[in-house]
Amino acid sequence: MSEDELPEVPEYAERVLAVTERIPPGKVMTYGDVAEWLGAGGPRQVGRVMALYGGAVPWWRVVRADGGFLPGHELEALGHYREEGTPMREASRAAEGHIPRLDMRRARWDGD
């Protein structure tokens, strides 16, 4: 597929991706935070944009509100979080795969 044949990214998706690129290393925003910051859409719409177009931006910085990792991408995300120094909470022994969670109180970025 040539550059001329690439599908156009919808305007809302471009806005979501632009916010994602602004999130500093070591910080995160929830899907709902991004929608609220934009004043449009909701968590599901942001999640859909990230699923379709998020590969070119730091996708690991847009997360679920509970601090859990994106299923199927846990290890890749964990590597990014460790590299960037994103605050995490240790996994409980009962946690599946002993994967930690993000410490949302310390990691959350408010967009300023």
PDB file of N, CA and C in Angstrom:
ATOM      1  N   MET A   1       0.841  -1.170   0.000  1.00  0.00           N
ATOM      2  CA  MET A   1       0.000   0.000   0.000  1.00  0.00           C
ATOM      3  C   MET A   1       0.891   1.240   0.000  1.00  0.00           C
ATOM      4  N   SER A   2       0.705   2.115  -0.950  1.00  0.00           N
ATOM      5  CA  SER A   2       1.516   3.324  -1.012  1.00  0.00           C
ATOM      6  C   SER A   2       0.962   4.356  -0.046  1.00  0.00           C
ATOM      7  N   GLU A   3       1.753   5.402   0.190  1.00  0.00           N
ATOM      8  CA  GLU A   3       1.333   6.461   1.095  1.00  0.00           C
ATOM      9  C   GLU A   3       0.037   7.102   0.627  1.00  0.00           C
ATOM     10  N   ASP A   4      -0.149   7.202  -0.689  1.00  0.00           N
ATOM     11  CA  ASP A   4      -1.370   7.799  -1.231  1.00  0.00           C
ATOM     12  C   ASP A   4      -2.603   6.935  -0.963  1.00  0.00           C
ATOM     13  N   GLU A   5      -2.396   5.645  -0.701  1.00  0.00           N
ATOM     14  CA  GLU A   5      -3.510   4.729  -0.489  1.00  0.00           C
ATOM     15  C   GLU A   5      -3.861   4.527   0.976  1.00  0.00           C
ATOM     16  N   LEU A   6      -3.076   5.124   1.900  1.00  0.00           N
ATOM     17  CA  LEU A   6      -3.353   4.951   3.321  1.00  0.00           C
ATOM     18  C   LEU A   6      -4.698   5.574   3.666  1.00  0.00           C
ATOM     19  N   PRO A   7      -5.486   4.875   4.474  1.00  0.00           N
ATOM     20  CA  PRO A   7      -6.778   5.439   4.856  1.00  0.00           C
ATOM     21  C   PRO A   7      -6.585   6.681   5.720  1.00  0.00           C
ATOM     22  N   GLU A   8      -7.472   7.627   5.570  1.00  0.00           N
ATOM     23  CA  GLU A   8      -7.401   8.851   6.352  1.00  0.00           C
ATOM     24  C   GLU A   8      -7.812   8.557   7.790  1.00  0.00           C
ATOM     25  N   VAL A   9      -7.056   9.086   8.733  1.00  0.00           N
ATOM     26  CA  VAL A   9      -7.375   8.908  10.144  1.00  0.00           C
ATOM     27  C   VAL A   9      -8.460   9.917  10.501  1.00  0.00           C
ATOM     28  N   PRO A  10      -9.565   9.454  11.086  1.00  0.00           N
ATOM     29  CA  PRO A  10     -10.638  10.381  11.453  1.00  0.00           C
ATOM     30  C   PRO A  10     -10.135  11.469  12.408  1.00  0.00           C
ATOM     31  N   GLU A  11     -10.782  12.616  12.372  1.00  0.00           N
ATOM     32  CA  GLU A  11     -10.357  13.777  13.171  1.00  0.00           C
ATOM     33  C   GLU A  11     -10.351  13.450  14.664  1.00  0.00           C
ATOM     34  N   TYR A  12     -11.366  12.747  15.156  1.00  0.00           N
ATOM     35  CA  TYR A  12     -11.397  12.392  16.578  1.00  0.00           C
ATOM     36  C   TYR A  12     -10.188  11.529  16.931  1.00  0.00           C
ATOM     37  N   ALA A  13      -9.862  10.579  16.085  1.00  0.00           N
ATOM     38  CA  ALA A  13      -8.706   9.711  16.328  1.00  0.00           C
ATOM     39  C   ALA A  13      -7.416  10.526  16.360  1.00  0.00           C
ATOM     40  N   GLU A  14      -7.287  11.476  15.470  1.00  0.00           N
ATOM     41  CA  GLU A  14      -6.093  12.335  15.472  1.00  0.00           C
ATOM     42  C   GLU A  14      -5.968  13.090  16.786  1.00  0.00           C
ATOM     43  N   ARG A  15      -7.095  13.541  17.311  1.00  0.00           N
ATOM     44  CA  ARG A  15      -7.087  14.269  18.583  1.00  0.00           C
ATOM     45  C   ARG A  15      -6.682  13.356  19.735  1.00  0.00           C
ATOM     46  N   VAL A  16      -7.210  12.137  19.750  1.00  0.00           N
ATOM     47  CA  VAL A  16      -6.844  11.170  20.792  1.00  0.00           C
ATOM     48  C   VAL A  16      -5.347  10.873  20.728  1.00  0.00           C
ATOM     49  N   LEU A  17      -4.842  10.644  19.539  1.00  0.00           N
ATOM     50  CA  LEU A  17      -3.416  10.329  19.375  1.00  0.00           C
ATOM     51  C   LEU A  17      -2.543  11.506  19.781  1.00  0.00           C
ATOM     52  N   ALA A  18      -2.990  12.724  19.505  1.00  0.00           N
ATOM     53  CA  ALA A  18      -2.227  13.916  19.893  1.00  0.00           C
ATOM     54  C   ALA A  18      -2.127  14.025  21.417  1.00  0.00           C
ATOM     55  N   VAL A  19      -3.215  13.734  22.114  1.00  0.00           N
ATOM     56  CA  VAL A  19      -3.186  13.749  23.582  1.00  0.00           C
ATOM     57  C   VAL A  19      -2.230  12.673  24.082  1.00  0.00           C
ATOM     58  N   THR A  20      -2.310  11.499  23.510  1.00  0.00           N
ATOM     59  CA  THR A  20      -1.440  10.388  23.917  1.00  0.00           C
ATOM     60  C   THR A  20       0.027  10.775  23.788  1.00  0.00           C
ATOM     61  N   GLU A  21       0.377  11.455  22.722  1.00  0.00           N
ATOM     62  CA  GLU A  21       1.769  11.860  22.513  1.00  0.00           C
ATOM     63  C   GLU A  21       2.226  12.903  23.531  1.00  0.00           C
ATOM     64  N   ARG A  22       1.306  13.617  24.153  1.00  0.00           N
ATOM     65  CA  ARG A  22       1.654  14.648  25.138  1.00  0.00           C
ATOM     66  C   ARG A  22       1.905  14.074  26.531  1.00  0.00           C
ATOM     67  N   ILE A  23       1.430  12.872  26.795  1.00  0.00           N
ATOM     68  CA  ILE A  23       1.591  12.281  28.128  1.00  0.00           C
ATOM     69  C   ILE A  23       3.081  12.042  28.369  1.00  0.00           C
ATOM     70  N   PRO A  24       3.619  12.617  29.443  1.00  0.00           N
ATOM     71  CA  PRO A  24       5.061  12.475  29.688  1.00  0.00           C
ATOM     72  C   PRO A  24       5.456  11.044  30.045  1.00  0.00           C
ATOM     73  N   PRO A  25       6.698  10.660  29.762  1.00  0.00           N
ATOM     74  CA  PRO A  25       7.182   9.350  30.196  1.00  0.00           C
ATOM     75  C   PRO A  25       7.000   9.206  31.706  1.00  0.00           C
ATOM     76  N   GLY A  26       6.583   8.021  32.134  1.00  0.00           N
ATOM     77  CA  GLY A  26       6.382   7.766  33.548  1.00  0.00           C
ATOM     78  C   GLY A  26       5.015   8.166  34.061  1.00  0.00           C
ATOM     79  N   LYS A  27       4.171   8.691  33.181  1.00  0.00           N
ATOM     80  CA  LYS A  27       2.814   9.109  33.562  1.00  0.00           C
ATOM     81  C   LYS A  27       1.807   8.405  32.664  1.00  0.00           C
ATOM     82  N   VAL A  28       0.550   8.359  33.102  1.00  0.00           N
ATOM     83  CA  VAL A  28      -0.517   7.728  32.332  1.00  0.00           C
ATOM     84  C   VAL A  28      -1.791   8.557  32.435  1.00  0.00           C
ATOM     85  N   MET A  29      -2.692   8.334  31.498  1.00  0.00           N
ATOM     86  CA  MET A  29      -4.058   8.844  31.556  1.00  0.00           C
ATOM     87  C   MET A  29      -4.967   7.655  31.294  1.00  0.00           C
ATOM     88  N   THR A  30      -6.153   7.672  31.890  1.00  0.00           N
ATOM     89  CA  THR A  30      -7.109   6.610  31.605  1.00  0.00           C
ATOM     90  C   THR A  30      -7.826   6.937  30.296  1.00  0.00           C
ATOM     91  N   TYR A  31      -8.514   5.934  29.754  1.00  0.00           N
ATOM     92  CA  TYR A  31      -9.311   6.161  28.550  1.00  0.00           C
ATOM     93  C   TYR A  31     -10.322   7.271  28.805  1.00  0.00           C
ATOM     94  N   GLY A  32     -10.937   7.249  29.989  1.00  0.00           N
ATOM     95  CA  GLY A  32     -11.901   8.280  30.348  1.00  0.00           C
ATOM     96  C   GLY A  32     -11.266   9.645  30.518  1.00  0.00           C
ATOM     97  N   ASP A  33     -10.044   9.688  31.064  1.00  0.00           N
ATOM     98  CA  ASP A  33      -9.332  10.965  31.207  1.00  0.00           C
ATOM     99  C   ASP A  33      -9.119  11.617  29.848  1.00  0.00           C
ATOM    100  N   VAL A  34      -8.720  10.816  28.866  1.00  0.00           N
ATOM    101  CA  VAL A  34      -8.468  11.348  27.523  1.00  0.00           C
ATOM    102  C   VAL A  34      -9.757  11.917  26.941  1.00  0.00           C
ATOM    103  N   ALA A  35     -10.850  11.169  27.059  1.00  0.00           N
ATOM    104  CA  ALA A  35     -12.138  11.645  26.542  1.00  0.00           C
ATOM    105  C   ALA A  35     -12.558  12.934  27.241  1.00  0.00           C
ATOM    106  N   GLU A  36     -12.387  12.974  28.565  1.00  0.00           N
ATOM    107  CA  GLU A  36     -12.752  14.172  29.323  1.00  0.00           C
ATOM    108  C   GLU A  36     -11.884  15.354  28.911  1.00  0.00           C
ATOM    109  N   TRP A  37     -10.594  15.122  28.745  1.00  0.00           N
ATOM    110  CA  TRP A  37      -9.667  16.185  28.344  1.00  0.00           C
ATOM    111  C   TRP A  37     -10.069  16.756  26.984  1.00  0.00           C
ATOM    112  N   LEU A  38     -10.502  15.870  26.084  1.00  0.00           N
ATOM    113  CA  LEU A  38     -10.937  16.314  24.754  1.00  0.00           C
ATOM    114  C   LEU A  38     -12.321  16.950  24.780  1.00  0.00           C
ATOM    115  N   GLY A  39     -13.106  16.617  25.795  1.00  0.00           N
ATOM    116  CA  GLY A  39     -14.473  17.113  25.856  1.00  0.00           C
ATOM    117  C   GLY A  39     -15.375  16.448  24.834  1.00  0.00           C
ATOM    118  N   ALA A  40     -15.006  15.225  24.449  1.00  0.00           N
ATOM    119  CA  ALA A  40     -15.781  14.500  23.431  1.00  0.00           C
ATOM    120  C   ALA A  40     -15.565  13.010  23.592  1.00  0.00           C
ATOM    121  N   GLY A  41     -16.589  12.238  23.231  1.00  0.00           N
ATOM    122  CA  GLY A  41     -16.480  10.784  23.274  1.00  0.00           C
ATOM    123  C   GLY A  41     -16.473  10.273  24.701  1.00  0.00           C
ATOM    124  N   GLY A  42     -16.060   9.050  24.843  1.00  0.00           N
ATOM    125  CA  GLY A  42     -15.995   8.409  26.142  1.00  0.00           C
ATOM    126  C   GLY A  42     -14.898   7.374  26.143  1.00  0.00           C
ATOM    127  N   PRO A  43     -14.752   6.646  27.251  1.00  0.00           N
ATOM    128  CA  PRO A  43     -13.672   5.657  27.342  1.00  0.00           C
ATOM    129  C   PRO A  43     -13.690   4.626  26.219  1.00  0.00           C
ATOM    130  N   ARG A  44     -14.866   4.165  25.830  1.00  0.00           N
ATOM    131  CA  ARG A  44     -14.933   3.144  24.769  1.00  0.00           C
ATOM    132  C   ARG A  44     -14.454   3.695  23.433  1.00  0.00           C
ATOM    133  N   GLN A  45     -14.816   4.940  23.138  1.00  0.00           N
ATOM    134  CA  GLN A  45     -14.382   5.538  21.873  1.00  0.00           C
ATOM    135  C   GLN A  45     -12.864   5.713  21.863  1.00  0.00           C
ATOM    136  N   VAL A  46     -12.306   6.149  22.998  1.00  0.00           N
ATOM    137  CA  VAL A  46     -10.847   6.297  23.094  1.00  0.00           C
ATOM    138  C   VAL A  46     -10.181   4.928  22.947  1.00  0.00           C
ATOM    139  N   GLY A  47     -10.738   3.908  23.603  1.00  0.00           N
ATOM    140  CA  GLY A  47     -10.192   2.558  23.487  1.00  0.00           C
ATOM    141  C   GLY A  47     -10.209   2.054  22.059  1.00  0.00           C
ATOM    142  N   ARG A  48     -11.281   2.348  21.350  1.00  0.00           N
ATOM    143  CA  ARG A  48     -11.393   1.937  19.939  1.00  0.00           C
ATOM    144  C   ARG A  48     -10.320   2.617  19.096  1.00  0.00           C
ATOM    145  N   VAL A  49     -10.136   3.912  19.318  1.00  0.00           N
ATOM    146  CA  VAL A  49      -9.087   4.648  18.588  1.00  0.00           C
ATOM    147  C   VAL A  49      -7.725   4.024  18.875  1.00  0.00           C
ATOM    148  N   MET A  50      -7.459   3.734  20.148  1.00  0.00           N
ATOM    149  CA  MET A  50      -6.159   3.168  20.503  1.00  0.00           C
ATOM    150  C   MET A  50      -5.969   1.794  19.874  1.00  0.00           C
ATOM    151  N   ALA A  51      -7.036   1.008  19.823  1.00  0.00           N
ATOM    152  CA  ALA A  51      -6.943  -0.331  19.211  1.00  0.00           C
ATOM    153  C   ALA A  51      -6.654  -0.238  17.719  1.00  0.00           C
ATOM    154  N   LEU A  52      -7.251   0.729  17.053  1.00  0.00           N
ATOM    155  CA  LEU A  52      -7.090   0.845  15.601  1.00  0.00           C
ATOM    156  C   LEU A  52      -5.848   1.615  15.177  1.00  0.00           C
ATOM    157  N   TYR A  53      -5.489   2.665  15.922  1.00  0.00           N
ATOM    158  CA  TYR A  53      -4.445   3.592  15.463  1.00  0.00           C
ATOM    159  C   TYR A  53      -3.310   3.804  16.464  1.00  0.00           C
ATOM    160  N   GLY A  54      -3.387   3.226  17.651  1.00  0.00           N
ATOM    161  CA  GLY A  54      -2.461   3.546  18.725  1.00  0.00           C
ATOM    162  C   GLY A  54      -1.047   3.026  18.595  1.00  0.00           C
ATOM    163  N   GLY A  55      -0.783   2.154  17.634  1.00  0.00           N
ATOM    164  CA  GLY A  55       0.555   1.568  17.519  1.00  0.00           C
ATOM    165  C   GLY A  55       1.673   2.545  17.243  1.00  0.00           C
ATOM    166  N   ALA A  56       1.361   3.710  16.711  1.00  0.00           N
ATOM    167  CA  ALA A  56       2.393   4.685  16.350  1.00  0.00           C
ATOM    168  C   ALA A  56       2.676   5.692  17.469  1.00  0.00           C
ATOM    169  N   VAL A  57       1.951   5.583  18.579  1.00  0.00           N
ATOM    170  CA  VAL A  57       2.135   6.498  19.707  1.00  0.00           C
ATOM    171  C   VAL A  57       2.427   5.670  20.961  1.00  0.00           C
ATOM    172  N   PRO A  58       2.814   6.307  22.068  1.00  0.00           N
ATOM    173  CA  PRO A  58       3.080   5.546  23.298  1.00  0.00           C
ATOM    174  C   PRO A  58       1.788   5.026  23.932  1.00  0.00           C
ATOM    175  N   TRP A  59       1.221   3.998  23.315  1.00  0.00           N
ATOM    176  CA  TRP A  59      -0.075   3.431  23.687  1.00  0.00           C
ATOM    177  C   TRP A  59      -0.145   2.985  25.139  1.00  0.00           C
ATOM    178  N   TRP A  60       0.990   2.586  25.708  1.00  0.00           N
ATOM    179  CA  TRP A  60       1.027   2.074  27.074  1.00  0.00           C
ATOM    180  C   TRP A  60       0.726   3.166  28.097  1.00  0.00           C
ATOM    181  N   ARG A  61       0.702   4.424  27.676  1.00  0.00           N
ATOM    182  CA  ARG A  61       0.407   5.527  28.597  1.00  0.00           C
ATOM    183  C   ARG A  61      -1.085   5.828  28.694  1.00  0.00           C
ATOM    184  N   VAL A  62      -1.928   5.132  27.933  1.00  0.00           N
ATOM    185  CA  VAL A  62      -3.382   5.253  28.044  1.00  0.00           C
ATOM    186  C   VAL A  62      -3.873   3.917  28.588  1.00  0.00           C
ATOM    187  N   VAL A  63      -4.486   3.967  29.775  1.00  0.00           N
ATOM    188  CA  VAL A  63      -4.721   2.737  30.537  1.00  0.00           C
ATOM    189  C   VAL A  63      -6.141   2.628  31.073  1.00  0.00           C
ATOM    190  N   ARG A  64      -6.444   1.463  31.590  1.00  0.00           N
ATOM    191  CA  ARG A  64      -7.715   1.246  32.283  1.00  0.00           C
ATOM    192  C   ARG A  64      -7.682   1.974  33.624  1.00  0.00           C
ATOM    193  N   ALA A  65      -8.828   2.387  34.093  1.00  0.00           N
ATOM    194  CA  ALA A  65      -8.920   3.154  35.334  1.00  0.00           C
ATOM    195  C   ALA A  65      -8.446   2.370  36.560  1.00  0.00           C
ATOM    196  N   ASP A  66      -8.493   1.038  36.496  1.00  0.00           N
ATOM    197  CA  ASP A  66      -8.077   0.236  37.645  1.00  0.00           C
ATOM    198  C   ASP A  66      -6.567   0.005  37.710  1.00  0.00           C
ATOM    199  N   GLY A  67      -5.832   0.523  36.724  1.00  0.00           N
ATOM    200  CA  GLY A  67      -4.381   0.361  36.722  1.00  0.00           C
ATOM    201  C   GLY A  67      -3.911  -0.976  36.190  1.00  0.00           C
ATOM    202  N   GLY A  68      -4.850  -1.802  35.749  1.00  0.00           N
ATOM    203  CA  GLY A  68      -4.481  -3.095  35.176  1.00  0.00           C
ATOM    204  C   GLY A  68      -3.921  -2.935  33.772  1.00  0.00           C
ATOM    205  N   PHE A  69      -3.110  -3.872  33.361  1.00  0.00           N
ATOM    206  CA  PHE A  69      -2.463  -3.807  32.058  1.00  0.00           C
ATOM    207  C   PHE A  69      -3.381  -4.317  30.959  1.00  0.00           C
ATOM    208  N   LEU A  70      -3.156  -3.857  29.752  1.00  0.00           N
ATOM    209  CA  LEU A  70      -3.929  -4.264  28.589  1.00  0.00           C
ATOM    210  C   LEU A  70      -3.717  -5.759  28.333  1.00  0.00           C
ATOM    211  N   PRO A  71      -4.782  -6.551  28.373  1.00  0.00           N
ATOM    212  CA  PRO A  71      -4.634  -8.002  28.165  1.00  0.00           C
ATOM    213  C   PRO A  71      -3.944  -8.318  26.833  1.00  0.00           C
ATOM    214  N   GLY A  72      -2.984  -9.204  26.921  1.00  0.00           N
ATOM    215  CA  GLY A  72      -2.231  -9.606  25.739  1.00  0.00           C
ATOM    216  C   GLY A  72      -0.993  -8.760  25.499  1.00  0.00           C
ATOM    217  N   HIS A  73      -0.879  -7.647  26.213  1.00  0.00           N
ATOM    218  CA  HIS A  73       0.261  -6.734  26.032  1.00  0.00           C
ATOM    219  C   HIS A  73       0.962  -6.459  27.360  1.00  0.00           C
ATOM    220  N   GLU A  74       0.691  -7.290  28.362  1.00  0.00           N
ATOM    221  CA  GLU A  74       1.201  -7.040  29.704  1.00  0.00           C
ATOM    222  C   GLU A  74       2.723  -6.926  29.759  1.00  0.00           C
ATOM    223  N   LEU A  75       3.418  -7.881  29.185  1.00  0.00           N
ATOM    224  CA  LEU A  75       4.875  -7.880  29.291  1.00  0.00           C
ATOM    225  C   LEU A  75       5.505  -6.731  28.518  1.00  0.00           C
ATOM    226  N   GLU A  76       4.962  -6.436  27.331  1.00  0.00           N
ATOM    227  CA  GLU A  76       5.489  -5.305  26.558  1.00  0.00           C
ATOM    228  C   GLU A  76       5.259  -3.997  27.316  1.00  0.00           C
ATOM    229  N   ALA A  77       4.055  -3.825  27.850  1.00  0.00           N
ATOM    230  CA  ALA A  77       3.746  -2.616  28.618  1.00  0.00           C
ATOM    231  C   ALA A  77       4.630  -2.524  29.854  1.00  0.00           C
ATOM    232  N   LEU A  78       4.792  -3.639  30.567  1.00  0.00           N
ATOM    233  CA  LEU A  78       5.612  -3.660  31.770  1.00  0.00           C
ATOM    234  C   LEU A  78       7.034  -3.193  31.470  1.00  0.00           C
ATOM    235  N   GLY A  79       7.587  -3.623  30.343  1.00  0.00           N
ATOM    236  CA  GLY A  79       8.919  -3.169  29.947  1.00  0.00           C
ATOM    237  C   GLY A  79       8.976  -1.656  29.770  1.00  0.00           C
ATOM    238  N   HIS A  80       7.961  -1.094  29.133  1.00  0.00           N
ATOM    239  CA  HIS A  80       7.905   0.364  28.957  1.00  0.00           C
ATOM    240  C   HIS A  80       7.784   1.064  30.303  1.00  0.00           C
ATOM    241  N   TYR A  81       6.905   0.558  31.185  1.00  0.00           N
ATOM    242  CA  TYR A  81       6.705   1.189  32.487  1.00  0.00           C
ATOM    243  C   TYR A  81       7.987   1.173  33.306  1.00  0.00           C
ATOM    244  N   ARG A  82       8.680   0.058  33.284  1.00  0.00           N
ATOM    245  CA  ARG A  82       9.946  -0.030  34.034  1.00  0.00           C
ATOM    246  C   ARG A  82      10.992   0.912  33.447  1.00  0.00           C
ATOM    247  N   GLU A  83      11.071   0.956  32.134  1.00  0.00           N
ATOM    248  CA  GLU A  83      12.042   1.832  31.463  1.00  0.00           C
ATOM    249  C   GLU A  83      11.772   3.306  31.777  1.00  0.00           C
ATOM    250  N   GLU A  84      10.507   3.683  31.862  1.00  0.00           N
ATOM    251  CA  GLU A  84      10.132   5.082  32.085  1.00  0.00           C
ATOM    252  C   GLU A  84      10.000   5.435  33.566  1.00  0.00           C
ATOM    253  N   GLY A  85      10.087   4.446  34.446  1.00  0.00           N
ATOM    254  CA  GLY A  85       9.948   4.717  35.871  1.00  0.00           C
ATOM    255  C   GLY A  85       8.521   5.022  36.296  1.00  0.00           C
ATOM    256  N   THR A  86       7.544   4.451  35.594  1.00  0.00           N
ATOM    257  CA  THR A  86       6.139   4.657  35.932  1.00  0.00           C
ATOM    258  C   THR A  86       5.850   3.999  37.281  1.00  0.00           C
ATOM    259  N   PRO A  87       5.240   4.731  38.216  1.00  0.00           N
ATOM    260  CA  PRO A  87       4.945   4.142  39.532  1.00  0.00           C
ATOM    261  C   PRO A  87       4.010   2.935  39.416  1.00  0.00           C
ATOM    262  N   MET A  88       4.403   1.847  40.065  1.00  0.00           N
ATOM    263  CA  MET A  88       3.608   0.615  40.051  1.00  0.00           C
ATOM    264  C   MET A  88       3.431   0.105  41.467  1.00  0.00           C
ATOM    265  N   ARG A  89       2.417  -0.730  41.616  1.00  0.00           N
ATOM    266  CA  ARG A  89       2.161  -1.425  42.874  1.00  0.00           C
ATOM    267  C   ARG A  89       2.510  -2.884  42.646  1.00  0.00           C
ATOM    268  N   GLU A  90       3.172  -3.478  43.606  1.00  0.00           N
ATOM    269  CA  GLU A  90       3.539  -4.884  43.473  1.00  0.00           C
ATOM    270  C   GLU A  90       2.297  -5.753  43.350  1.00  0.00           C
ATOM    271  N   ALA A  91       2.436  -6.809  42.602  1.00  0.00           N
ATOM    272  CA  ALA A  91       1.325  -7.753  42.419  1.00  0.00           C
ATOM    273  C   ALA A  91       1.125  -8.559  43.690  1.00  0.00           C
ATOM    274  N   SER A  92      -0.117  -8.831  43.995  1.00  0.00           N
ATOM    275  CA  SER A  92      -0.389  -9.730  45.113  1.00  0.00           C
ATOM    276  C   SER A  92      -0.079 -11.153  44.650  1.00  0.00           C
ATOM    277  N   ARG A  93       0.107 -12.039  45.568  1.00  0.00           N
ATOM    278  CA  ARG A  93       0.395 -13.423  45.209  1.00  0.00           C
ATOM    279  C   ARG A  93      -0.769 -14.063  44.470  1.00  0.00           C
ATOM    280  N   ALA A  94      -1.962 -13.525  44.674  1.00  0.00           N
ATOM    281  CA  ALA A  94      -3.147 -14.057  44.006  1.00  0.00           C
ATOM    282  C   ALA A  94      -3.310 -13.510  42.587  1.00  0.00           C
ATOM    283  N   ALA A  95      -2.563 -12.447  42.263  1.00  0.00           N
ATOM    284  CA  ALA A  95      -2.698 -11.822  40.940  1.00  0.00           C
ATOM    285  C   ALA A  95      -2.247 -12.790  39.857  1.00  0.00           C
ATOM    286  N   GLU A  96      -3.035 -12.867  38.807  1.00  0.00           N
ATOM    287  CA  GLU A  96      -2.714 -13.764  37.699  1.00  0.00           C
ATOM    288  C   GLU A  96      -1.370 -13.393  37.090  1.00  0.00           C
ATOM    289  N   GLY A  97      -0.449 -14.333  37.041  1.00  0.00           N
ATOM    290  CA  GLY A  97       0.863 -14.099  36.461  1.00  0.00           C
ATOM    291  C   GLY A  97       1.746 -13.193  37.284  1.00  0.00           C
ATOM    292  N   HIS A  98       1.284 -12.797  38.465  1.00  0.00           N
ATOM    293  CA  HIS A  98       2.033 -11.897  39.351  1.00  0.00           C
ATOM    294  C   HIS A  98       2.436 -10.603  38.640  1.00  0.00           C
ATOM    295  N   ILE A  99       1.573 -10.116  37.754  1.00  0.00           N
ATOM    296  CA  ILE A  99       1.821  -8.856  37.049  1.00  0.00           C
ATOM    297  C   ILE A  99       1.408  -7.714  37.972  1.00  0.00           C
ATOM    298  N   PRO A 100       2.282  -6.721  38.178  1.00  0.00           N
ATOM    299  CA  PRO A 100       1.903  -5.592  39.035  1.00  0.00           C
ATOM    300  C   PRO A 100       0.812  -4.744  38.383  1.00  0.00           C
ATOM    301  N   ARG A 101       0.326  -3.779  39.104  1.00  0.00           N
ATOM    302  CA  ARG A 101      -0.626  -2.793  38.587  1.00  0.00           C
ATOM    303  C   ARG A 101       0.037  -1.429  38.667  1.00  0.00           C
ATOM    304  N   LEU A 102      -0.472  -0.526  37.878  1.00  0.00           N
ATOM    305  CA  LEU A 102       0.012   0.846  37.968  1.00  0.00           C
ATOM    306  C   LEU A 102      -0.485   1.469  39.268  1.00  0.00           C
ATOM    307  N   ASP A 103       0.320   2.298  39.865  1.00  0.00           N
ATOM    308  CA  ASP A 103      -0.094   3.055  41.043  1.00  0.00           C
ATOM    309  C   ASP A 103      -0.762   4.318  40.510  1.00  0.00           C
ATOM    310  N   MET A 104      -2.070   4.234  40.299  1.00  0.00           N
ATOM    311  CA  MET A 104      -2.795   5.316  39.627  1.00  0.00           C
ATOM    312  C   MET A 104      -2.723   6.631  40.391  1.00  0.00           C
ATOM    313  N   ARG A 105      -2.658   6.566  41.703  1.00  0.00           N
ATOM    314  CA  ARG A 105      -2.579   7.805  42.481  1.00  0.00           C
ATOM    315  C   ARG A 105      -1.314   8.595  42.120  1.00  0.00           C
ATOM    316  N   ARG A 106      -0.208   7.896  41.911  1.00  0.00           N
ATOM    317  CA  ARG A 106       1.070   8.560  41.619  1.00  0.00           C
ATOM    318  C   ARG A 106       1.340   8.680  40.119  1.00  0.00           C
ATOM    319  N   ALA A 107       0.816   7.775  39.313  1.00  0.00           N
ATOM    320  CA  ALA A 107       1.156   7.750  37.877  1.00  0.00           C
ATOM    321  C   ALA A 107       0.247   8.621  37.019  1.00  0.00           C
ATOM    322  N   ARG A 108      -0.945   8.929  37.506  1.00  0.00           N
ATOM    323  CA  ARG A 108      -1.944   9.621  36.680  1.00  0.00           C
ATOM    324  C   ARG A 108      -1.505  11.046  36.370  1.00  0.00           C
ATOM    325  N   TRP A 109      -1.653  11.413  35.109  1.00  0.00           N
ATOM    326  CA  TRP A 109      -1.304  12.757  34.635  1.00  0.00           C
ATOM    327  C   TRP A 109      -2.594  13.497  34.321  1.00  0.00           C
ATOM    328  N   ASP A 110      -2.677  14.763  34.728  1.00  0.00           N
ATOM    329  CA  ASP A 110      -3.918  15.516  34.565  1.00  0.00           C
ATOM    330  C   ASP A 110      -3.957  16.356  33.284  1.00  0.00           C
ATOM    331  N   GLY A 111      -2.921  16.264  32.484  1.00  0.00           N
ATOM    332  CA  GLY A 111      -2.934  16.980  31.202  1.00  0.00           C
ATOM    333  C   GLY A 111      -2.296  18.353  31.243  1.00  0.00           C
ATOM    334  N   ASP A 112      -1.812  18.762  32.414  1.00  0.00           N
ATOM    335  CA  ASP A 112      -1.167  20.097  32.515  1.00  0.00           C
ATOM    336  C   ASP A 112       0.337  19.970  32.551  1.00  0.00           C
TER     337      ASP A 112
END
